[in-house]
Amino acid sequence: MDHGLALERLAQVAGRDSRELDRICESVAEALVADGEEPSFLVTSADFVGDPVLICADRYWRLRLLAQPTVLEAAACGSWLDAHVAAEHQRVIAGKWALGYGFITRDSVESAVELAESATVLRATADSGAAARFATWYHAGKLRADLHFDELRRFLETSPLTAQPLREEPLFNALLAFAALGSRSTTAEYAIELLDAAWSSPQNTREVVDVCLNALAVARPFARQGELLCSRAEEAVRQFPTDHLFHARLAAGQRLAERFDEALTSIDTALQRLPATGNRGSHSLLQEQYLQERRTILDGRERAAWTTRQQHLWDQQEAANQEVRHTLDGATVRAVELVAVFTAAIAFAVGSLQVALSGNLGLADRIWLLVALGGGLLLFALTVVGGTWYLTRDRRR
């Protein structure tokens, strides 16, 4: 396809309806792929919504990587990007493209042997680090999308593609934090240190923020996970207030923190700000993910309300049980005391009758005998009552 004609078509569609813009860009990209030609035009902005040149280039490399999802093809994209994209926009576009292409081709992960062969080819042919950098982010994007945490960590730490300059970039630390937070072989403390290093880097980009929030959202459960995701997502929303994805991440954090009403507001905001532009497949996929998150939030809120009601009923039942136990304990103690007094009374009555019927004692002796008998039985009753009171003091308290 003639590149002058391609640029003319793209210029004509600038500012048009998003569907028409997407259709023309896709058509030009398909024609370039069919002719086996790389775009020769220059990308001078990072406007992924309104710049037809950038959108067409994105569609072009998307089609190529869908057809041949390899590290070498990604390296070719990295080399093209280095030569055809303005320097001030390369970092942002490279991160978005590489991770995005990795996501859509996540079903084709190359083996370690294939990666080693590709690294050898790249070392022999690449004249800059741009090809290896883009290839690294592309393959890491596949492993991230598949949630292959340990494989991602091994790739980042040992692959010959990840040269030393890459290890100093915030995206490298963000991806390593993603792998560490999901892995069972690393601690959450170590992973959060990596995440903080990426988050606070002056070279931080929107893609780094996204990877960090995604890492917290899919991490193995750890203490205060929801609170940390909420605080980071709130920062991201302040920095990128129109980004629907960060509102969705905030909703996930609020759900984990059991702040369901706030989570519902955040996910509704994400749905409202999800633009119906560009590739409709991506829009539909994100919309379904957000709707699923919304259903999960509603289920969580309903379970929390049910749990609160059950806890209230349980507290009422426990209070009633405590009252019953207190009543039974008191009744048992009173019964023992009553038995002791009643026994003493019966013994006194029987003893008094025997003394009264005895004809060998005088009146004074009988009176003293009755007093002694009554005193002894009274002492017995008081001992039983006092002992019962002492033994049951803890239960009464």
Protein backbone atom coordinates (compact mmCIF):
# COMPACT_ATOMS: atom_id res chain seq x y z
CA MET A 1 0.00 0.00 0.00
CA ASP A 2 1.29 3.46 -0.91
CA HIS A 3 2.30 5.21 2.30
CA GLY A 4 1.33 8.61 0.98
CA LEU A 5 -2.19 7.34 0.32
CA ALA A 6 -2.25 5.72 3.77
CA LEU A 7 -1.32 9.01 5.46
CA GLU A 8 -3.93 10.82 3.37
CA ARG A 9 -6.66 8.43 4.47
CA LEU A 10 -5.58 8.74 8.09
CA ALA A 11 -5.52 12.54 7.88
CA GLN A 12 -9.05 12.58 6.45
CA VAL A 13 -10.46 10.53 9.31
CA ALA A 14 -8.87 12.63 12.09
CA GLY A 15 -11.53 14.04 14.40
CA ARG A 16 -14.24 11.80 12.96
CA ASP A 17 -16.56 9.44 14.85
CA SER A 18 -14.66 6.87 16.87
CA ARG A 19 -16.19 3.95 14.98
CA GLU A 20 -15.23 5.44 11.63
CA LEU A 21 -11.76 6.27 12.93
CA ASP A 22 -11.30 2.71 14.16
CA ARG A 23 -12.56 1.24 10.89
CA ILE A 24 -10.25 3.27 8.67
CA CYS A 25 -7.20 2.69 10.88
CA GLU A 26 -7.89 -1.03 10.92
CA SER A 27 -8.34 -1.06 7.14
CA VAL A 28 -5.04 0.74 6.52
CA ALA A 29 -3.24 -1.55 8.96
CA GLU A 30 -4.65 -4.67 7.29
CA ALA A 31 -3.54 -3.39 3.87
CA LEU A 32 0.00 -2.79 5.15
CA VAL A 33 0.17 -6.27 6.69
CA ALA A 34 -1.16 -7.85 3.50
CA ASP A 35 1.52 -6.07 1.43
CA GLY A 36 4.25 -7.06 3.87
CA GLU A 37 5.22 -3.43 4.51
CA GLU A 38 5.98 -1.71 7.77
CA PRO A 39 4.46 1.74 8.30
CA SER A 40 6.92 4.48 7.37
CA PHE A 41 5.08 7.34 9.05
CA LEU A 42 6.17 8.98 12.30
CA VAL A 43 4.17 8.95 15.55
CA THR A 44 4.33 12.32 17.26
CA SER A 45 1.79 11.91 20.09
CA ALA A 46 0.63 9.46 22.73
CA ASP A 47 -3.08 10.09 22.07
CA PHE A 48 -4.43 6.54 21.91
CA VAL A 49 -7.98 7.80 21.32
CA GLY A 50 -7.76 10.53 18.72
CA ASP A 51 -4.44 10.23 16.83
CA PRO A 52 -5.14 8.13 13.69
CA VAL A 53 -1.43 7.61 12.99
CA LEU A 54 -0.81 6.09 16.44
CA ILE A 55 -4.02 4.04 16.28
CA CYS A 56 -3.11 2.68 12.85
CA ALA A 57 0.40 1.75 14.00
CA ASP A 58 -1.12 0.05 17.04
CA ARG A 59 -3.51 -1.94 14.84
CA TYR A 60 -0.68 -2.88 12.49
CA TRP A 61 1.57 -4.37 15.17
CA ARG A 62 -1.41 -5.93 16.89
CA LEU A 63 -2.25 -7.84 13.69
CA ARG A 64 1.36 -8.93 13.22
CA LEU A 65 1.73 -10.22 16.76
CA LEU A 66 -1.62 -12.01 16.65
CA ALA A 67 -0.37 -13.79 13.52
CA GLN A 68 3.11 -14.48 14.91
CA PRO A 69 3.18 -14.11 18.71
CA THR A 70 6.93 -14.49 19.25
CA VAL A 71 9.62 -12.58 21.07
CA LEU A 72 11.43 -11.91 17.79
CA GLU A 73 8.31 -10.34 16.28
CA ALA A 74 7.95 -8.22 19.41
CA ALA A 75 11.60 -7.19 19.04
CA ALA A 76 10.86 -6.02 15.50
CA CYS A 77 8.04 -3.90 16.92
CA GLY A 78 10.46 -2.46 19.48
CA SER A 79 12.96 -1.53 16.81
CA TRP A 80 10.24 0.13 14.71
CA LEU A 81 8.97 2.03 17.73
CA ASP A 82 12.49 3.27 18.50
CA ALA A 83 12.86 4.60 14.96
CA HIS A 84 9.35 5.97 14.30
CA VAL A 85 8.02 7.30 17.62
CA ALA A 86 9.03 10.63 19.11
CA ALA A 87 11.49 10.11 21.97
CA GLU A 88 9.31 11.81 24.59
CA HIS A 89 6.49 9.32 23.95
CA GLN A 90 8.46 6.10 23.52
CA ARG A 91 8.40 4.95 27.15
CA VAL A 92 4.63 5.40 27.50
CA ILE A 93 3.74 3.80 24.16
CA ALA A 94 6.21 0.94 24.53
CA GLY A 95 4.85 -0.05 27.94
CA LYS A 96 1.23 0.08 26.82
CA TRP A 97 1.84 -1.79 23.57
CA ALA A 98 4.11 -4.50 24.99
CA LEU A 99 1.88 -5.41 27.95
CA GLY A 100 -1.26 -5.10 25.84
CA TYR A 101 0.06 -7.34 23.07
CA GLY A 102 1.24 -9.78 25.72
CA PHE A 103 -2.29 -9.93 27.09
CA ILE A 104 -4.00 -10.64 23.75
CA THR A 105 -1.46 -13.37 22.88
CA ARG A 106 -1.26 -14.89 26.36
CA ASP A 107 -2.23 -18.32 25.02
CA SER A 108 1.13 -18.72 23.25
CA VAL A 109 3.95 -18.62 25.81
CA GLU A 110 7.37 -19.53 24.39
CA SER A 111 9.59 -22.05 26.15
CA ALA A 112 12.89 -21.30 27.86
CA VAL A 113 14.77 -22.87 24.94
CA GLU A 114 12.95 -20.67 22.42
CA LEU A 115 13.64 -17.60 24.54
CA ALA A 116 17.34 -18.43 24.72
CA GLU A 117 17.52 -18.84 20.93
CA SER A 118 15.69 -15.55 20.43
CA ALA A 119 18.05 -13.79 22.84
CA THR A 120 21.03 -15.07 20.85
CA VAL A 121 19.53 -13.72 17.63
CA LEU A 122 18.79 -10.35 19.22
CA ARG A 123 22.30 -9.98 20.60
CA ALA A 124 23.67 -10.59 17.10
CA THR A 125 21.31 -8.27 15.22
CA ALA A 126 19.94 -5.53 17.46
CA ASP A 127 21.72 -2.19 17.25
CA SER A 128 20.06 -0.80 20.39
CA GLY A 129 18.40 -1.98 23.57
CA ALA A 130 14.94 -1.00 22.34
CA ALA A 131 14.26 -4.36 20.67
CA ALA A 132 15.31 -6.41 23.70
CA ARG A 133 13.44 -4.09 26.06
CA PHE A 134 10.18 -4.37 24.15
CA ALA A 135 10.58 -8.15 23.76
CA THR A 136 11.13 -8.47 27.51
CA TRP A 137 8.02 -6.49 28.41
CA TYR A 138 6.03 -8.44 25.80
CA HIS A 139 6.92 -11.89 27.15
CA ALA A 140 6.51 -10.67 30.74
CA GLY A 141 3.07 -9.38 29.75
CA LYS A 142 2.08 -12.89 28.66
CA LEU A 143 3.20 -14.43 31.95
CA ARG A 144 1.48 -11.67 33.90
CA ALA A 145 -1.79 -12.19 32.02
CA ASP A 146 -1.64 -15.94 32.69
CA LEU A 147 -0.82 -15.36 36.39
CA HIS A 148 2.33 -17.47 36.05
CA PHE A 149 3.99 -15.84 39.04
CA ASP A 150 7.01 -18.10 39.53
CA GLU A 151 7.71 -18.34 35.79
CA LEU A 152 7.60 -14.54 35.56
CA ARG A 153 10.03 -14.16 38.46
CA ARG A 154 12.48 -16.67 36.93
CA PHE A 155 12.24 -14.96 33.54
CA LEU A 156 12.93 -11.51 34.96
CA GLU A 157 15.78 -12.70 37.17
CA THR A 158 17.58 -15.10 34.81
CA SER A 159 16.67 -14.41 31.17
CA PRO A 160 19.47 -13.07 28.96
CA LEU A 161 16.92 -10.62 27.56
CA THR A 162 16.79 -8.74 30.87
CA ALA A 163 20.08 -6.84 30.68
CA GLN A 164 21.22 -4.60 33.52
CA PRO A 165 19.69 -1.31 32.21
CA LEU A 166 16.25 -2.96 32.19
CA ARG A 167 16.60 -4.00 35.83
CA GLU A 168 16.81 -0.35 36.85
CA GLU A 169 13.50 0.62 35.23
CA PRO A 170 10.36 0.95 37.39
CA LEU A 171 8.39 -1.39 35.13
CA PHE A 172 10.91 -4.16 35.90
CA ASN A 173 10.40 -3.70 39.66
CA ALA A 174 6.63 -3.52 39.18
CA LEU A 175 6.58 -6.81 37.27
CA LEU A 176 8.92 -8.40 39.80
CA ALA A 177 6.63 -7.21 42.60
CA PHE A 178 3.67 -8.72 40.72
CA ALA A 179 5.48 -12.07 40.57
CA ALA A 180 6.55 -11.89 44.22
CA LEU A 181 3.09 -11.01 45.54
CA GLY A 182 1.54 -13.97 43.77
CA SER A 183 4.30 -16.48 44.50
CA ARG A 184 4.33 -18.78 47.53
CA SER A 185 8.13 -18.72 47.68
CA THR A 186 8.51 -15.05 48.61
CA THR A 187 7.23 -12.95 51.48
CA ALA A 188 4.72 -10.14 51.18
CA GLU A 189 7.17 -7.76 52.89
CA TYR A 190 9.80 -8.31 50.19
CA ALA A 191 7.20 -7.92 47.43
CA ILE A 192 5.87 -4.67 48.88
CA GLU A 193 9.42 -3.27 49.02
CA LEU A 194 9.73 -3.93 45.27
CA LEU A 195 6.31 -2.41 44.67
CA ASP A 196 7.18 0.73 46.65
CA ALA A 197 10.42 1.13 44.67
CA ALA A 198 8.49 1.02 41.38
CA TRP A 199 5.69 3.24 42.68
CA SER A 200 7.95 6.00 43.96
CA SER A 201 10.26 6.08 40.93
CA PRO A 202 10.44 9.48 39.15
CA GLN A 203 10.21 7.54 35.86
CA ASN A 204 6.86 6.08 36.89
CA THR A 205 4.27 5.72 34.10
CA ARG A 206 0.63 4.83 33.86
CA GLU A 207 1.55 1.22 32.96
CA VAL A 208 3.74 0.91 36.08
CA VAL A 209 0.84 2.11 38.23
CA ASP A 210 -1.46 -0.41 36.53
CA VAL A 211 0.93 -3.34 37.14
CA CYS A 212 1.36 -2.34 40.79
CA LEU A 213 -2.39 -2.17 41.41
CA ASN A 214 -2.95 -5.41 39.51
CA ALA A 215 -0.28 -7.05 41.68
CA LEU A 216 -2.09 -6.05 44.87
CA ALA A 217 -5.45 -7.16 43.46
CA VAL A 218 -4.33 -10.71 42.51
CA ALA A 219 -1.80 -11.25 45.32
CA ARG A 220 -1.93 -14.11 47.76
CA PRO A 221 -3.98 -12.87 50.74
CA PHE A 222 -1.88 -10.99 53.27
CA ALA A 223 -2.55 -8.69 56.21
CA ARG A 224 -4.10 -5.34 55.28
CA GLN A 225 -4.13 -6.20 51.57
CA GLY A 226 -7.41 -4.37 50.99
CA GLU A 227 -6.27 -1.24 52.84
CA LEU A 228 -3.00 -1.09 50.87
CA LEU A 229 -4.79 -1.56 47.54
CA CYS A 230 -7.27 1.15 48.51
CA SER A 231 -4.59 3.68 49.41
CA ARG A 232 -2.59 3.02 46.22
CA ALA A 233 -5.68 3.08 44.02
CA GLU A 234 -6.83 6.34 45.60
CA GLU A 235 -3.48 7.86 44.64
CA ALA A 236 -3.86 6.52 41.11
CA VAL A 237 -7.38 7.94 40.80
CA ARG A 238 -6.13 11.35 41.91
CA GLN A 239 -3.33 11.19 39.34
CA PHE A 240 -5.49 9.74 36.53
CA PRO A 241 -9.06 10.80 37.42
CA THR A 242 -10.59 9.73 34.08
CA ASP A 243 -8.98 6.28 33.98
CA HIS A 244 -11.78 3.73 34.37
CA LEU A 245 -9.38 0.89 35.18
CA PHE A 246 -8.04 2.61 38.29
CA HIS A 247 -11.57 3.21 39.55
CA ALA A 248 -12.16 -0.53 39.09
CA ARG A 249 -8.97 -1.32 41.03
CA LEU A 250 -10.16 0.99 43.80
CA ALA A 251 -13.47 -0.88 43.90
CA ALA A 252 -11.60 -4.18 44.27
CA GLY A 253 -9.59 -2.80 47.18
CA GLN A 254 -12.66 -1.43 48.90
CA ARG A 255 -14.36 -4.80 48.48
CA LEU A 256 -11.38 -6.59 50.05
CA ALA A 257 -11.53 -4.07 52.90
CA GLU A 258 -15.29 -4.80 53.23
CA ARG A 259 -16.22 -1.20 52.38
CA PHE A 260 -18.97 -2.40 50.10
CA ASP A 261 -20.97 0.82 49.68
CA GLU A 262 -17.85 2.71 48.62
CA ALA A 263 -16.85 -0.18 46.35
CA LEU A 264 -20.22 -0.07 44.62
CA THR A 265 -19.79 3.66 43.95
CA SER A 266 -16.29 3.12 42.55
CA ILE A 267 -17.25 0.29 40.19
CA ASP A 268 -20.24 2.28 38.95
CA THR A 269 -17.84 5.15 38.23
CA ALA A 270 -15.59 2.75 36.30
CA LEU A 271 -18.53 1.58 34.21
CA GLN A 272 -19.61 5.16 33.51
CA ARG A 273 -16.10 6.17 32.44
CA LEU A 274 -15.49 3.13 30.27
CA PRO A 275 -15.40 4.78 26.82
CA ALA A 276 -17.30 3.13 24.00
CA THR A 277 -14.50 3.88 21.55
CA GLY A 278 -11.79 1.97 19.78
CA ASN A 279 -11.82 -1.79 19.64
CA ARG A 280 -15.27 -2.99 20.67
CA GLY A 281 -13.95 -6.39 21.78
CA SER A 282 -11.80 -4.77 24.44
CA HIS A 283 -14.71 -2.61 25.55
CA SER A 284 -17.02 -5.60 25.89
CA LEU A 285 -14.39 -7.60 27.78
CA LEU A 286 -13.74 -4.80 30.26
CA GLN A 287 -17.44 -4.12 30.68
CA GLU A 288 -18.09 -7.77 31.53
CA GLN A 289 -15.19 -7.79 34.01
CA TYR A 290 -16.52 -4.67 35.71
CA LEU A 291 -20.05 -6.06 35.82
CA GLN A 292 -18.70 -9.25 37.39
CA GLU A 293 -16.86 -7.17 39.98
CA ARG A 294 -20.10 -5.31 40.65
CA ARG A 295 -21.96 -8.60 41.21
CA THR A 296 -19.20 -9.74 43.56
CA ILE A 297 -19.50 -6.48 45.53
CA LEU A 298 -23.27 -6.84 45.79
CA ASP A 299 -22.88 -10.46 46.95
CA GLY A 300 -20.33 -9.36 49.52
CA ARG A 301 -22.56 -6.58 50.78
CA GLU A 302 -25.47 -9.00 51.10
CA ARG A 303 -23.31 -11.53 52.98
CA ALA A 304 -22.04 -8.77 55.26
CA ALA A 305 -25.61 -7.65 56.02
CA TRP A 306 -26.65 -11.27 56.68
CA THR A 307 -23.62 -11.77 58.92
CA THR A 308 -24.49 -8.61 60.86
CA ARG A 309 -28.06 -9.81 61.36
CA GLN A 310 -26.87 -13.25 62.44
CA GLN A 311 -24.36 -11.73 64.83
CA HIS A 312 -27.10 -9.60 66.35
CA LEU A 313 -29.30 -12.67 66.80
CA TRP A 314 -26.36 -14.60 68.20
CA ASP A 315 -25.62 -11.81 70.69
CA GLN A 316 -29.26 -11.81 71.78
CA GLN A 317 -29.25 -15.60 72.17
CA GLU A 318 -25.96 -15.50 74.06
CA ALA A 319 -27.38 -12.88 76.43
CA ALA A 320 -30.47 -15.03 76.98
CA ASN A 321 -28.28 -18.08 77.56
CA GLN A 322 -26.21 -16.16 80.08
CA GLU A 323 -29.37 -15.15 81.91
CA VAL A 324 -30.58 -18.76 81.95
CA ARG A 325 -27.22 -19.99 83.21
CA HIS A 326 -27.20 -17.31 85.89
CA THR A 327 -30.73 -18.26 86.95
CA LEU A 328 -29.89 -21.98 87.02
CA ASP A 329 -26.70 -21.37 88.96
CA GLY A 330 -28.59 -19.27 91.50
CA ALA A 331 -31.38 -21.83 91.74
CA THR A 332 -28.86 -24.63 92.31
CA VAL A 333 -27.17 -22.72 95.12
CA ARG A 334 -30.51 -21.85 96.72
CA ALA A 335 -31.57 -25.50 96.47
CA VAL A 336 -28.42 -26.69 98.26
CA GLU A 337 -28.91 -24.08 100.97
CA LEU A 338 -32.59 -25.01 101.35
CA VAL A 339 -31.72 -28.70 101.63
CA ALA A 340 -29.14 -27.92 104.31
CA VAL A 341 -31.59 -25.82 106.36
CA PHE A 342 -34.41 -28.34 105.86
CA THR A 343 -32.14 -31.21 106.92
CA ALA A 344 -31.08 -29.31 110.01
CA ALA A 345 -34.71 -28.54 110.85
CA ILE A 346 -35.73 -32.21 110.51
CA ALA A 347 -32.79 -33.32 112.62
CA PHE A 348 -33.67 -30.76 115.28
CA ALA A 349 -37.28 -31.88 115.31
CA VAL A 350 -36.35 -35.53 115.63
CA GLY A 351 -33.77 -34.77 118.30
CA SER A 352 -36.21 -32.56 120.22
CA LEU A 353 -38.84 -35.32 120.20
CA GLN A 354 -36.37 -37.81 121.63
CA VAL A 355 -35.33 -35.37 124.33
CA ALA A 356 -38.93 -34.56 125.17
CA LEU A 357 -39.88 -38.27 125.48
CA SER A 358 -36.91 -39.09 127.63
CA GLY A 359 -38.03 -39.42 131.28
CA ASN A 360 -34.58 -39.63 132.90
CA LEU A 361 -33.56 -35.96 132.50
CA GLY A 362 -34.72 -32.91 134.34
CA LEU A 363 -36.25 -29.89 132.68
CA ALA A 364 -33.07 -27.81 132.85
CA ASP A 365 -31.00 -30.63 131.37
CA ARG A 366 -33.53 -31.09 128.60
CA ILE A 367 -33.46 -27.38 127.79
CA TRP A 368 -29.65 -27.32 127.63
CA LEU A 369 -29.65 -30.46 125.51
CA LEU A 370 -32.11 -28.87 123.08
CA VAL A 371 -29.99 -25.67 122.94
CA ALA A 372 -26.85 -27.69 122.22
CA LEU A 373 -28.62 -29.76 119.57
CA GLY A 374 -30.10 -26.66 117.92
CA GLY A 375 -26.78 -24.83 118.00
CA GLY A 376 -24.97 -27.74 116.43
CA LEU A 377 -27.56 -28.12 113.68
CA LEU A 378 -27.54 -24.35 113.10
CA LEU A 379 -23.76 -24.44 112.80
CA PHE A 380 -24.08 -27.33 110.34
CA ALA A 381 -26.58 -25.40 108.21
CA LEU A 382 -24.46 -22.25 108.24
CA THR A 383 -21.36 -24.25 107.28
CA VAL A 384 -23.17 -25.82 104.31
CA VAL A 385 -24.60 -22.47 103.18
CA GLY A 386 -21.26 -20.68 103.58
CA GLY A 387 -19.33 -23.44 101.84
CA THR A 388 -21.77 -23.39 98.93
CA TRP A 389 -21.50 -19.62 98.61
CA TYR A 390 -17.67 -19.82 98.66
CA LEU A 391 -17.44 -22.61 96.08
CA THR A 392 -19.81 -20.84 93.66
CA ARG A 393 -18.33 -17.32 93.91
CA ASP A 394 -16.51 -17.51 90.50
CA ARG A 395 -19.63 -18.73 88.70
CA ARG A 396 -21.70 -15.94 90.22
CA ARG A 397 -19.19 -13.36 88.99
